């Protein structure tokens, strides 16, 4: 049994993405295979060197860097969304894989959960 959690919400302004990340960490902590797919505005979670002092929130970059430690198997970025938001692989946190076909990726998992 494996789970893919899809985050399509921006990293700031809503709690849906953070709750989805917490769910991924919880599943991984109980040895459940889980991966994350960032699509739409959600790809902005993956940006390196996020400056959040003006919005008075902590950067999500540290949370994502902990994903492998918690046991999250993979971080995927929707290639089309990355293009739309001007995000290249070298602009993202370490360990991200590009997904060219989200529908194929979705079929690789037993369960899919959507943030939001």
PDB file of N, CA and C in Angstrom:
ATOM      1  N   UNK A   1       0.840  -1.183   0.000  1.00  0.00           N
ATOM      2  CA  UNK A   1       0.000   0.000   0.000  1.00  0.00           C
ATOM      3  C   UNK A   1       0.883   1.244   0.000  1.00  0.00           C
ATOM      4  N   UNK A   2       0.674   2.134  -0.937  1.00  0.00           N
ATOM      5  CA  UNK A   2       1.457   3.362  -1.009  1.00  0.00           C
ATOM      6  C   UNK A   2       0.520   4.543  -1.238  1.00  0.00           C
ATOM      7  N   UNK A   3       0.959   5.699  -0.775  1.00  0.00           N
ATOM      8  CA  UNK A   3       0.132   6.901  -0.853  1.00  0.00           C
ATOM      9  C   UNK A   3       0.901   8.015  -1.537  1.00  0.00           C
ATOM     10  N   UNK A   4       0.229   8.706  -2.442  1.00  0.00           N
ATOM     11  CA  UNK A   4       0.754   9.912  -3.063  1.00  0.00           C
ATOM     12  C   UNK A   4      -0.110  11.073  -2.584  1.00  0.00           C
ATOM     13  N   UNK A   5       0.532  12.058  -1.985  1.00  0.00           N
ATOM     14  CA  UNK A   5      -0.186  13.245  -1.521  1.00  0.00           C
ATOM     15  C   UNK A   5       0.122  14.371  -2.499  1.00  0.00           C
ATOM     16  N   UNK A   6      -0.939  14.969  -3.037  1.00  0.00           N
ATOM     17  CA  UNK A   6      -0.819  16.021  -4.039  1.00  0.00           C
ATOM     18  C   UNK A   6      -1.060  17.368  -3.372  1.00  0.00           C
ATOM     19  N   UNK A   7      -0.076  18.247  -3.497  1.00  0.00           N
ATOM     20  CA  UNK A   7      -0.190  19.602  -2.943  1.00  0.00           C
ATOM     21  C   UNK A   7      -0.249  20.580  -4.107  1.00  0.00           C
ATOM     22  N   UNK A   8      -1.397  21.242  -4.254  1.00  0.00           N
ATOM     23  CA  UNK A   8      -1.565  22.217  -5.328  1.00  0.00           C
ATOM     24  C   UNK A   8      -1.830  23.629  -4.798  1.00  0.00           C
ATOM     25  N   UNK A   9      -1.629  23.793  -3.510  1.00  0.00           N
ATOM     26  CA  UNK A   9      -1.838  25.089  -2.863  1.00  0.00           C
ATOM     27  C   UNK A   9      -0.498  25.789  -2.664  1.00  0.00           C
ATOM     28  N   UNK A  10      -0.472  27.126  -2.704  1.00  0.00           N
ATOM     29  CA  UNK A  10       0.787  27.834  -2.446  1.00  0.00           C
ATOM     30  C   UNK A  10       1.248  27.584  -1.007  1.00  0.00           C
ATOM     31  N   UNK A  11       2.530  27.748  -0.750  1.00  0.00           N
ATOM     32  CA  UNK A  11       3.047  27.432   0.586  1.00  0.00           C
ATOM     33  C   UNK A  11       2.591  28.385   1.691  1.00  0.00           C
ATOM     34  N   UNK A  12       2.132  29.550   1.330  1.00  0.00           N
ATOM     35  CA  UNK A  12       1.740  30.544   2.337  1.00  0.00           C
ATOM     36  C   UNK A  12       0.344  31.060   2.024  1.00  0.00           C
ATOM     37  N   UNK A  13      -0.405  31.392   3.061  1.00  0.00           N
ATOM     38  CA  UNK A  13      -1.746  31.941   2.878  1.00  0.00           C
ATOM     39  C   UNK A  13      -2.854  30.938   3.161  1.00  0.00           C
ATOM     40  N   UNK A  14      -2.511  29.665   3.195  1.00  0.00           N
ATOM     41  CA  UNK A  14      -3.479  28.624   3.514  1.00  0.00           C
ATOM     42  C   UNK A  14      -2.740  27.522   4.276  1.00  0.00           C
ATOM     43  N   UNK A  15      -3.464  26.798   5.108  1.00  0.00           N
ATOM     44  CA  UNK A  15      -2.843  25.733   5.906  1.00  0.00           C
ATOM     45  C   UNK A  15      -2.963  24.379   5.242  1.00  0.00           C
ATOM     46  N   UNK A  16      -3.665  24.275   4.123  1.00  0.00           N
ATOM     47  CA  UNK A  16      -3.919  22.981   3.488  1.00  0.00           C
ATOM     48  C   UNK A  16      -2.625  22.239   3.155  1.00  0.00           C
ATOM     49  N   UNK A  17      -1.658  22.922   2.600  1.00  0.00           N
ATOM     50  CA  UNK A  17      -0.400  22.280   2.238  1.00  0.00           C
ATOM     51  C   UNK A  17       0.376  21.805   3.450  1.00  0.00           C
ATOM     52  N   UNK A  18       0.391  22.620   4.496  1.00  0.00           N
ATOM     53  CA  UNK A  18       1.108  22.220   5.724  1.00  0.00           C
ATOM     54  C   UNK A  18       0.444  21.001   6.363  1.00  0.00           C
ATOM     55  N   UNK A  19      -0.879  20.967   6.315  1.00  0.00           N
ATOM     56  CA  UNK A  19      -1.584  19.809   6.855  1.00  0.00           C
ATOM     57  C   UNK A  19      -1.274  18.560   6.033  1.00  0.00           C
ATOM     58  N   UNK A  20      -1.170  18.717   4.723  1.00  0.00           N
ATOM     59  CA  UNK A  20      -0.826  17.593   3.853  1.00  0.00           C
ATOM     60  C   UNK A  20       0.591  17.103   4.147  1.00  0.00           C
ATOM     61  N   UNK A  21       1.499  18.022   4.382  1.00  0.00           N
ATOM     62  CA  UNK A  21       2.871  17.656   4.725  1.00  0.00           C
ATOM     63  C   UNK A  21       2.908  16.917   6.066  1.00  0.00           C
ATOM     64  N   UNK A  22       2.140  17.389   7.029  1.00  0.00           N
ATOM     65  CA  UNK A  22       2.044  16.698   8.318  1.00  0.00           C
ATOM     66  C   UNK A  22       1.500  15.279   8.143  1.00  0.00           C
ATOM     67  N   UNK A  23       0.514  15.129   7.271  1.00  0.00           N
ATOM     68  CA  UNK A  23      -0.052  13.807   7.010  1.00  0.00           C
ATOM     69  C   UNK A  23       1.016  12.893   6.399  1.00  0.00           C
ATOM     70  N   UNK A  24       1.810  13.426   5.471  1.00  0.00           N
ATOM     71  CA  UNK A  24       2.876  12.628   4.861  1.00  0.00           C
ATOM     72  C   UNK A  24       3.884  12.188   5.914  1.00  0.00           C
ATOM     73  N   UNK A  25       4.287  13.109   6.779  1.00  0.00           N
ATOM     74  CA  UNK A  25       5.249  12.767   7.827  1.00  0.00           C
ATOM     75  C   UNK A  25       4.676  11.724   8.783  1.00  0.00           C
ATOM     76  N   UNK A  26       3.401  11.837   9.096  1.00  0.00           N
ATOM     77  CA  UNK A  26       2.755  10.872   9.992  1.00  0.00           C
ATOM     78  C   UNK A  26       2.713   9.487   9.361  1.00  0.00           C
ATOM     79  N   UNK A  27       2.334   9.412   8.094  1.00  0.00           N
ATOM     80  CA  UNK A  27       2.302   8.121   7.411  1.00  0.00           C
ATOM     81  C   UNK A  27       3.694   7.504   7.368  1.00  0.00           C
ATOM     82  N   UNK A  28       4.681   8.311   7.017  1.00  0.00           N
ATOM     83  CA  UNK A  28       6.054   7.811   6.920  1.00  0.00           C
ATOM     84  C   UNK A  28       6.572   7.344   8.282  1.00  0.00           C
ATOM     85  N   UNK A  29       6.187   8.049   9.343  1.00  0.00           N
ATOM     86  CA  UNK A  29       6.634   7.671  10.686  1.00  0.00           C
ATOM     87  C   UNK A  29       6.125   6.292  11.089  1.00  0.00           C
ATOM     88  N   UNK A  30       5.003   5.884  10.489  1.00  0.00           N
ATOM     89  CA  UNK A  30       4.450   4.559  10.761  1.00  0.00           C
ATOM     90  C   UNK A  30       4.776   3.580   9.637  1.00  0.00           C
ATOM     91  N   UNK A  31       5.895   3.849   8.958  1.00  0.00           N
ATOM     92  CA  UNK A  31       6.420   2.971   7.906  1.00  0.00           C
ATOM     93  C   UNK A  31       5.455   2.736   6.751  1.00  0.00           C
ATOM     94  N   UNK A  32       4.607   3.715   6.479  1.00  0.00           N
ATOM     95  CA  UNK A  32       3.724   3.640   5.324  1.00  0.00           C
ATOM     96  C   UNK A  32       4.403   4.355   4.157  1.00  0.00           C
ATOM     97  N   UNK A  33       4.555   3.709   3.002  1.00  0.00           N
ATOM     98  CA  UNK A  33       5.194   4.366   1.860  1.00  0.00           C
ATOM     99  C   UNK A  33       4.375   5.579   1.407  1.00  0.00           C
ATOM    100  N   UNK A  34       5.024   6.726   1.363  1.00  0.00           N
ATOM    101  CA  UNK A  34       4.342   7.960   0.982  1.00  0.00           C
ATOM    102  C   UNK A  34       5.288   8.846   0.182  1.00  0.00           C
ATOM    103  N   UNK A  35       4.726   9.506  -0.830  1.00  0.00           N
ATOM    104  CA  UNK A  35       5.464  10.469  -1.643  1.00  0.00           C
ATOM    105  C   UNK A  35       4.600  11.709  -1.806  1.00  0.00           C
ATOM    106  N   UNK A  36       5.223  12.795  -2.224  1.00  0.00           N
ATOM    107  CA  UNK A  36       4.520  14.069  -2.419  1.00  0.00           C
ATOM    108  C   UNK A  36       4.660  14.529  -3.860  1.00  0.00           C
ATOM    109  N   UNK A  37       3.562  14.995  -4.442  1.00  0.00           N
ATOM    110  CA  UNK A  37       3.561  15.605  -5.767  1.00  0.00           C
ATOM    111  C   UNK A  37       3.108  17.050  -5.611  1.00  0.00           C
ATOM    112  N   UNK A  38       3.947  17.975  -6.071  1.00  0.00           N
ATOM    113  CA  UNK A  38       3.620  19.397  -6.025  1.00  0.00           C
ATOM    114  C   UNK A  38       3.215  19.826  -7.431  1.00  0.00           C
ATOM    115  N   UNK A  39       2.036  20.411  -7.549  1.00  0.00           N
ATOM    116  CA  UNK A  39       1.515  20.825  -8.838  1.00  0.00           C
ATOM    117  C   UNK A  39       0.843  22.188  -8.690  1.00  0.00           C
ATOM    118  N   UNK A  40       0.534  22.828  -9.796  1.00  0.00           N
ATOM    119  CA  UNK A  40      -0.079  24.157  -9.734  1.00  0.00           C
ATOM    120  C   UNK A  40       0.788  25.095  -8.914  1.00  0.00           C
ATOM    121  N   UNK A  41       0.142  25.963  -8.132  1.00  0.00           N
ATOM    122  CA  UNK A  41       0.878  26.901  -7.273  1.00  0.00           C
ATOM    123  C   UNK A  41       1.684  26.172  -6.203  1.00  0.00           C
ATOM    124  N   UNK A  42       1.400  24.896  -5.991  1.00  0.00           N
ATOM    125  CA  UNK A  42       2.117  24.110  -4.999  1.00  0.00           C
ATOM    126  C   UNK A  42       3.594  23.934  -5.299  1.00  0.00           C
ATOM    127  N   UNK A  43       4.001  24.071  -6.575  1.00  0.00           N
ATOM    128  CA  UNK A  43       5.428  23.920  -6.890  1.00  0.00           C
ATOM    129  C   UNK A  43       6.265  24.981  -6.183  1.00  0.00           C
ATOM    130  N   UNK A  44       5.651  26.061  -5.773  1.00  0.00           N
ATOM    131  CA  UNK A  44       6.388  27.117  -5.069  1.00  0.00           C
ATOM    132  C   UNK A  44       6.888  26.673  -3.699  1.00  0.00           C
ATOM    133  N   UNK A  45       6.344  25.589  -3.178  1.00  0.00           N
ATOM    134  CA  UNK A  45       6.877  24.995  -1.952  1.00  0.00           C
ATOM    135  C   UNK A  45       8.339  24.619  -2.129  1.00  0.00           C
ATOM    136  N   UNK A  46       8.710  24.269  -3.336  1.00  0.00           N
ATOM    137  CA  UNK A  46      10.008  23.668  -3.622  1.00  0.00           C
ATOM    138  C   UNK A  46      11.126  24.679  -3.858  1.00  0.00           C
ATOM    139  N   UNK A  47      10.806  25.957  -3.872  1.00  0.00           N
ATOM    140  CA  UNK A  47      11.824  26.987  -4.117  1.00  0.00           C
ATOM    141  C   UNK A  47      12.856  27.025  -3.001  1.00  0.00           C
ATOM    142  N   UNK A  48      14.120  27.139  -3.398  1.00  0.00           N
ATOM    143  CA  UNK A  48      15.207  27.332  -2.430  1.00  0.00           C
ATOM    144  C   UNK A  48      15.218  28.776  -1.954  1.00  0.00           C
ATOM    145  N   UNK A  49      15.778  28.980  -0.788  1.00  0.00           N
ATOM    146  CA  UNK A  49      16.055  30.312  -0.239  1.00  0.00           C
ATOM    147  C   UNK A  49      14.816  31.207  -0.172  1.00  0.00           C
ATOM    148  N   UNK A  50      13.728  30.660   0.350  1.00  0.00           N
ATOM    149  CA  UNK A  50      12.498  31.442   0.484  1.00  0.00           C
ATOM    150  C   UNK A  50      12.662  32.494   1.569  1.00  0.00           C
ATOM    151  N   UNK A  51      12.303  33.705   1.255  1.00  0.00           N
ATOM    152  CA  UNK A  51      12.357  34.818   2.203  1.00  0.00           C
ATOM    153  C   UNK A  51      10.944  35.076   2.727  1.00  0.00           C
ATOM    154  N   UNK A  52      10.722  34.807   4.004  1.00  0.00           N
ATOM    155  CA  UNK A  52       9.364  34.894   4.550  1.00  0.00           C
ATOM    156  C   UNK A  52       9.218  35.914   5.678  1.00  0.00           C
ATOM    157  N   UNK A  53      10.251  36.689   5.926  1.00  0.00           N
ATOM    158  CA  UNK A  53      10.193  37.622   7.061  1.00  0.00           C
ATOM    159  C   UNK A  53       9.087  38.661   6.887  1.00  0.00           C
ATOM    160  N   UNK A  54       8.810  39.075   5.660  1.00  0.00           N
ATOM    161  CA  UNK A  54       7.776  40.090   5.440  1.00  0.00           C
ATOM    162  C   UNK A  54       6.369  39.578   5.720  1.00  0.00           C
ATOM    163  N   UNK A  55       6.160  38.286   5.573  1.00  0.00           N
ATOM    164  CA  UNK A  55       4.830  37.729   5.847  1.00  0.00           C
ATOM    165  C   UNK A  55       4.757  37.090   7.232  1.00  0.00           C
ATOM    166  N   UNK A  56       5.867  37.191   7.969  1.00  0.00           N
ATOM    167  CA  UNK A  56       5.946  36.716   9.350  1.00  0.00           C
ATOM    168  C   UNK A  56       5.540  35.258   9.501  1.00  0.00           C
ATOM    169  N   UNK A  57       6.050  34.410   8.598  1.00  0.00           N
ATOM    170  CA  UNK A  57       5.853  32.975   8.693  1.00  0.00           C
ATOM    171  C   UNK A  57       7.191  32.295   8.516  1.00  0.00           C
ATOM    172  N   UNK A  58       7.304  31.095   9.036  1.00  0.00           N
ATOM    173  CA  UNK A  58       8.531  30.325   8.854  1.00  0.00           C
ATOM    174  C   UNK A  58       8.547  29.742   7.451  1.00  0.00           C
ATOM    175  N   UNK A  59       9.721  29.675   6.875  1.00  0.00           N
ATOM    176  CA  UNK A  59       9.887  29.091   5.552  1.00  0.00           C
ATOM    177  C   UNK A  59       9.571  27.598   5.596  1.00  0.00           C
ATOM    178  N   UNK A  60       8.939  27.114   4.541  1.00  0.00           N
ATOM    179  CA  UNK A  60       8.628  25.685   4.458  1.00  0.00           C
ATOM    180  C   UNK A  60       9.826  24.881   3.965  1.00  0.00           C
ATOM    181  N   UNK A  61      10.882  25.566   3.580  1.00  0.00           N
ATOM    182  CA  UNK A  61      12.070  24.896   3.050  1.00  0.00           C
ATOM    183  C   UNK A  61      12.659  23.906   4.064  1.00  0.00           C
ATOM    184  N   UNK A  62      12.710  24.292   5.323  1.00  0.00           N
ATOM    185  CA  UNK A  62      13.248  23.402   6.358  1.00  0.00           C
ATOM    186  C   UNK A  62      12.356  22.178   6.536  1.00  0.00           C
ATOM    187  N   UNK A  63      11.046  22.371   6.462  1.00  0.00           N
ATOM    188  CA  UNK A  63      10.128  21.240   6.572  1.00  0.00           C
ATOM    189  C   UNK A  63      10.390  20.228   5.458  1.00  0.00           C
ATOM    190  N   UNK A  64      10.542  20.730   4.242  1.00  0.00           N
ATOM    191  CA  UNK A  64      10.766  19.831   3.111  1.00  0.00           C
ATOM    192  C   UNK A  64      12.118  19.133   3.198  1.00  0.00           C
ATOM    193  N   UNK A  65      13.112  19.822   3.733  1.00  0.00           N
ATOM    194  CA  UNK A  65      14.421  19.186   3.849  1.00  0.00           C
ATOM    195  C   UNK A  65      14.389  18.026   4.844  1.00  0.00           C
ATOM    196  N   UNK A  66      13.397  18.012   5.720  1.00  0.00           N
ATOM    197  CA  UNK A  66      13.254  16.928   6.696  1.00  0.00           C
ATOM    198  C   UNK A  66      12.496  15.728   6.125  1.00  0.00           C
ATOM    199  N   UNK A  67      11.907  15.870   4.963  1.00  0.00           N
ATOM    200  CA  UNK A  67      11.088  14.787   4.395  1.00  0.00           C
ATOM    201  C   UNK A  67      11.832  13.453   4.327  1.00  0.00           C
ATOM    202  N   UNK A  68      13.068  13.408   3.818  1.00  0.00           N
ATOM    203  CA  UNK A  68      13.768  12.110   3.790  1.00  0.00           C
ATOM    204  C   UNK A  68      14.053  11.552   5.189  1.00  0.00           C
ATOM    205  N   UNK A  69      14.295  12.420   6.135  1.00  0.00           N
ATOM    206  CA  UNK A  69      14.554  11.986   7.513  1.00  0.00           C
ATOM    207  C   UNK A  69      13.319  11.301   8.090  1.00  0.00           C
ATOM    208  N   UNK A  70      12.144  11.836   7.764  1.00  0.00           N
ATOM    209  CA  UNK A  70      10.891  11.256   8.258  1.00  0.00           C
ATOM    210  C   UNK A  70      10.518   9.990   7.493  1.00  0.00           C
ATOM    211  N   UNK A  71      11.126   9.772   6.332  1.00  0.00           N
ATOM    212  CA  UNK A  71      10.843   8.572   5.554  1.00  0.00           C
ATOM    213  C   UNK A  71       9.973   8.793   4.332  1.00  0.00           C
ATOM    214  N   UNK A  72       9.741  10.043   3.960  1.00  0.00           N
ATOM    215  CA  UNK A  72       9.010  10.322   2.724  1.00  0.00           C
ATOM    216  C   UNK A  72       9.877   9.832   1.573  1.00  0.00           C
ATOM    217  N   UNK A  73       9.303   9.003   0.718  1.00  0.00           N
ATOM    218  CA  UNK A  73      10.089   8.331  -0.310  1.00  0.00           C
ATOM    219  C   UNK A  73      10.512   9.234  -1.463  1.00  0.00           C
ATOM    220  N   UNK A  74       9.633  10.144  -1.898  1.00  0.00           N
ATOM    221  CA  UNK A  74       9.975  10.968  -3.057  1.00  0.00           C
ATOM    222  C   UNK A  74       9.227  12.292  -3.030  1.00  0.00           C
ATOM    223  N   UNK A  75       9.870  13.301  -3.604  1.00  0.00           N
ATOM    224  CA  UNK A  75       9.254  14.608  -3.839  1.00  0.00           C
ATOM    225  C   UNK A  75       9.210  14.801  -5.347  1.00  0.00           C
ATOM    226  N   UNK A  76       8.011  14.982  -5.894  1.00  0.00           N
ATOM    227  CA  UNK A  76       7.850  15.185  -7.332  1.00  0.00           C
ATOM    228  C   UNK A  76       7.337  16.589  -7.601  1.00  0.00           C
ATOM    229  N   UNK A  77       7.789  17.165  -8.708  1.00  0.00           N
ATOM    230  CA  UNK A  77       7.307  18.471  -9.154  1.00  0.00           C
ATOM    231  C   UNK A  77       6.694  18.314 -10.535  1.00  0.00           C
ATOM    232  N   UNK A  78       5.508  18.831 -10.728  1.00  0.00           N
ATOM    233  CA  UNK A  78       4.842  18.828 -12.027  1.00  0.00           C
ATOM    234  C   UNK A  78       5.624  19.734 -12.975  1.00  0.00           C
ATOM    235  N   UNK A  79       6.182  19.164 -14.026  1.00  0.00           N
ATOM    236  CA  UNK A  79       7.040  19.902 -14.952  1.00  0.00           C
ATOM    237  C   UNK A  79       6.310  21.080 -15.600  1.00  0.00           C
ATOM    238  N   UNK A  80       5.048  20.897 -15.989  1.00  0.00           N
ATOM    239  CA  UNK A  80       4.290  21.985 -16.617  1.00  0.00           C
ATOM    240  C   UNK A  80       4.086  23.145 -15.645  1.00  0.00           C
ATOM    241  N   UNK A  81       3.772  22.836 -14.392  1.00  0.00           N
ATOM    242  CA  UNK A  81       3.578  23.881 -13.386  1.00  0.00           C
ATOM    243  C   UNK A  81       4.890  24.612 -13.114  1.00  0.00           C
ATOM    244  N   UNK A  82       5.998  23.875 -13.100  1.00  0.00           N
ATOM    245  CA  UNK A  82       7.300  24.516 -12.892  1.00  0.00           C
ATOM    246  C   UNK A  82       7.595  25.511 -14.006  1.00  0.00           C
ATOM    247  N   UNK A  83       7.290  25.125 -15.241  1.00  0.00           N
ATOM    248  CA  UNK A  83       7.481  26.037 -16.369  1.00  0.00           C
ATOM    249  C   UNK A  83       6.614  27.274 -16.195  1.00  0.00           C
ATOM    250  N   UNK A  84       5.362  27.076 -15.824  1.00  0.00           N
ATOM    251  CA  UNK A  84       4.415  28.180 -15.644  1.00  0.00           C
ATOM    252  C   UNK A  84       4.889  29.162 -14.562  1.00  0.00           C
ATOM    253  N   UNK A  85       5.540  28.654 -13.509  1.00  0.00           N
ATOM    254  CA  UNK A  85       6.005  29.490 -12.401  1.00  0.00           C
ATOM    255  C   UNK A  85       7.490  29.835 -12.494  1.00  0.00           C
ATOM    256  N   UNK A  86       8.116  29.538 -13.633  1.00  0.00           N
ATOM    257  CA  UNK A  86       9.511  29.903 -13.840  1.00  0.00           C
ATOM    258  C   UNK A  86      10.467  29.205 -12.894  1.00  0.00           C
ATOM    259  N   UNK A  87      10.193  27.968 -12.586  1.00  0.00           N
ATOM    260  CA  UNK A  87      10.974  27.216 -11.614  1.00  0.00           C
ATOM    261  C   UNK A  87      11.751  26.114 -12.330  1.00  0.00           C
ATOM    262  N   UNK A  88      13.057  26.147 -12.193  1.00  0.00           N
ATOM    263  CA  UNK A  88      13.924  25.119 -12.774  1.00  0.00           C
ATOM    264  C   UNK A  88      14.399  24.189 -11.667  1.00  0.00           C
ATOM    265  N   UNK A  89      14.852  23.012 -12.037  1.00  0.00           N
ATOM    266  CA  UNK A  89      15.297  22.022 -11.059  1.00  0.00           C
ATOM    267  C   UNK A  89      16.382  22.585 -10.147  1.00  0.00           C
ATOM    268  N   UNK A  90      17.291  23.382 -10.696  1.00  0.00           N
ATOM    269  CA  UNK A  90      18.364  23.954  -9.878  1.00  0.00           C
ATOM    270  C   UNK A  90      17.866  25.025  -8.904  1.00  0.00           C
ATOM    271  N   UNK A  91      16.624  25.495  -9.080  1.00  0.00           N
ATOM    272  CA  UNK A  91      16.026  26.476  -8.168  1.00  0.00           C
ATOM    273  C   UNK A  91      15.308  25.817  -6.996  1.00  0.00           C
ATOM    274  N   UNK A  92      15.256  24.480  -7.013  1.00  0.00           N
ATOM    275  CA  UNK A  92      14.458  23.750  -6.031  1.00  0.00           C
ATOM    276  C   UNK A  92      15.325  23.105  -4.953  1.00  0.00           C
ATOM    277  N   UNK A  93      14.676  22.773  -3.850  1.00  0.00           N
ATOM    278  CA  UNK A  93      15.353  22.060  -2.771  1.00  0.00           C
ATOM    279  C   UNK A  93      15.898  20.736  -3.307  1.00  0.00           C
ATOM    280  N   UNK A  94      16.855  20.187  -2.635  1.00  0.00           N
ATOM    281  CA  UNK A  94      17.492  18.942  -3.071  1.00  0.00           C
ATOM    282  C   UNK A  94      16.511  17.773  -3.058  1.00  0.00           C
ATOM    283  N   UNK A  95      16.702  16.871  -3.991  1.00  0.00           N
ATOM    284  CA  UNK A  95      15.950  15.627  -3.987  1.00  0.00           C
ATOM    285  C   UNK A  95      14.647  15.630  -4.744  1.00  0.00           C
ATOM    286  N   UNK A  96      14.357  16.676  -5.501  1.00  0.00           N
ATOM    287  CA  UNK A  96      13.101  16.753  -6.241  1.00  0.00           C
ATOM    288  C   UNK A  96      13.271  16.093  -7.611  1.00  0.00           C
ATOM    289  N   UNK A  97      12.276  15.317  -8.017  1.00  0.00           N
ATOM    290  CA  UNK A  97      12.245  14.719  -9.350  1.00  0.00           C
ATOM    291  C   UNK A  97      11.119  15.363 -10.143  1.00  0.00           C
ATOM    292  N   UNK A  98      11.360  15.645 -11.401  1.00  0.00           N
ATOM    293  CA  UNK A  98      10.328  16.223 -12.270  1.00  0.00           C
ATOM    294  C   UNK A  98       9.372  15.130 -12.733  1.00  0.00           C
ATOM    295  N   UNK A  99       8.103  15.467 -12.783  1.00  0.00           N
ATOM    296  CA  UNK A  99       7.077  14.554 -13.290  1.00  0.00           C
ATOM    297  C   UNK A  99       6.531  15.127 -14.583  1.00  0.00           C
ATOM    298  N   UNK A 100       6.735  14.403 -15.660  1.00  0.00           N
ATOM    299  CA  UNK A 100       6.230  14.821 -16.970  1.00  0.00           C
ATOM    300  C   UNK A 100       4.786  14.359 -17.177  1.00  0.00           C
ATOM    301  N   UNK A 101       4.398  13.276 -16.519  1.00  0.00           N
ATOM    302  CA  UNK A 101       3.059  12.718 -16.684  1.00  0.00           C
ATOM    303  C   UNK A 101       2.469  12.399 -15.313  1.00  0.00           C
ATOM    304  N   UNK A 102       1.684  13.328 -14.816  1.00  0.00           N
ATOM    305  CA  UNK A 102       1.095  13.129 -13.493  1.00  0.00           C
ATOM    306  C   UNK A 102       0.103  11.973 -13.471  1.00  0.00           C
ATOM    307  N   UNK A 103      -0.611  11.738 -14.577  1.00  0.00           N
ATOM    308  CA  UNK A 103      -1.586  10.648 -14.584  1.00  0.00           C
ATOM    309  C   UNK A 103      -0.884   9.299 -14.442  1.00  0.00           C
ATOM    310  N   UNK A 104       0.263   9.126 -15.096  1.00  0.00           N
ATOM    311  CA  UNK A 104       1.025   7.883 -14.925  1.00  0.00           C
ATOM    312  C   UNK A 104       1.525   7.750 -13.483  1.00  0.00           C
ATOM    313  N   UNK A 105       1.970   8.856 -12.921  1.00  0.00           N
ATOM    314  CA  UNK A 105       2.457   8.835 -11.542  1.00  0.00           C
ATOM    315  C   UNK A 105       1.333   8.447 -10.583  1.00  0.00           C
ATOM    316  N   UNK A 106       0.157   9.013 -10.779  1.00  0.00           N
ATOM    317  CA  UNK A 106      -0.980   8.713  -9.907  1.00  0.00           C
ATOM    318  C   UNK A 106      -1.310   7.222  -9.906  1.00  0.00           C
ATOM    319  N   UNK A 107      -1.176   6.571 -11.054  1.00  0.00           N
ATOM    320  CA  UNK A 107      -1.508   5.150 -11.161  1.00  0.00           C
ATOM    321  C   UNK A 107      -0.502   4.240 -10.476  1.00  0.00           C
ATOM    322  N   UNK A 108       0.636   4.771 -10.092  1.00  0.00           N
ATOM    323  CA  UNK A 108       1.659   3.969  -9.418  1.00  0.00           C
ATOM    324  C   UNK A 108       1.367   3.803  -7.922  1.00  0.00           C
ATOM    325  N   UNK A 109       0.383   4.536  -7.409  1.00  0.00           N
ATOM    326  CA  UNK A 109       0.102   4.541  -5.977  1.00  0.00           C
ATOM    327  C   UNK A 109      -1.263   3.938  -5.689  1.00  0.00           C
ATOM    328  N   UNK A 110      -1.365   3.279  -4.548  1.00  0.00           N
ATOM    329  CA  UNK A 110      -2.625   2.663  -4.123  1.00  0.00           C
ATOM    330  C   UNK A 110      -3.630   3.724  -3.715  1.00  0.00           C
ATOM    331  N   UNK A 111      -3.149   4.759  -3.008  1.00  0.00           N
ATOM    332  CA  UNK A 111      -4.027   5.835  -2.509  1.00  0.00           C
ATOM    333  C   UNK A 111      -3.483   7.182  -2.960  1.00  0.00           C
ATOM    334  N   UNK A 112      -4.396   8.103  -3.216  1.00  0.00           N
ATOM    335  CA  UNK A 112      -4.022   9.467  -3.553  1.00  0.00           C
ATOM    336  C   UNK A 112      -4.831  10.402  -2.674  1.00  0.00           C
ATOM    337  N   UNK A 113      -4.150  11.367  -2.077  1.00  0.00           N
ATOM    338  CA  UNK A 113      -4.821  12.366  -1.242  1.00  0.00           C
ATOM    339  C   UNK A 113      -4.483  13.747  -1.792  1.00  0.00           C
ATOM    340  N   UNK A 114      -5.475  14.623  -1.865  1.00  0.00           N
ATOM    341  CA  UNK A 114      -5.290  15.968  -2.392  1.00  0.00           C
ATOM    342  C   UNK A 114      -5.410  16.983  -1.261  1.00  0.00           C
ATOM    343  N   UNK A 115      -4.441  17.894  -1.188  1.00  0.00           N
ATOM    344  CA  UNK A 115      -4.486  18.965  -0.192  1.00  0.00           C
ATOM    345  C   UNK A 115      -5.510  20.001  -0.644  1.00  0.00           C
ATOM    346  N   UNK A 116      -6.241  20.523   0.299  1.00  0.00           N
ATOM    347  CA  UNK A 116      -7.134  21.607  -0.061  1.00  0.00           C
ATOM    348  C   UNK A 116      -8.551  21.364   0.178  1.00  0.00           C
TER     349      UNK A 116
END
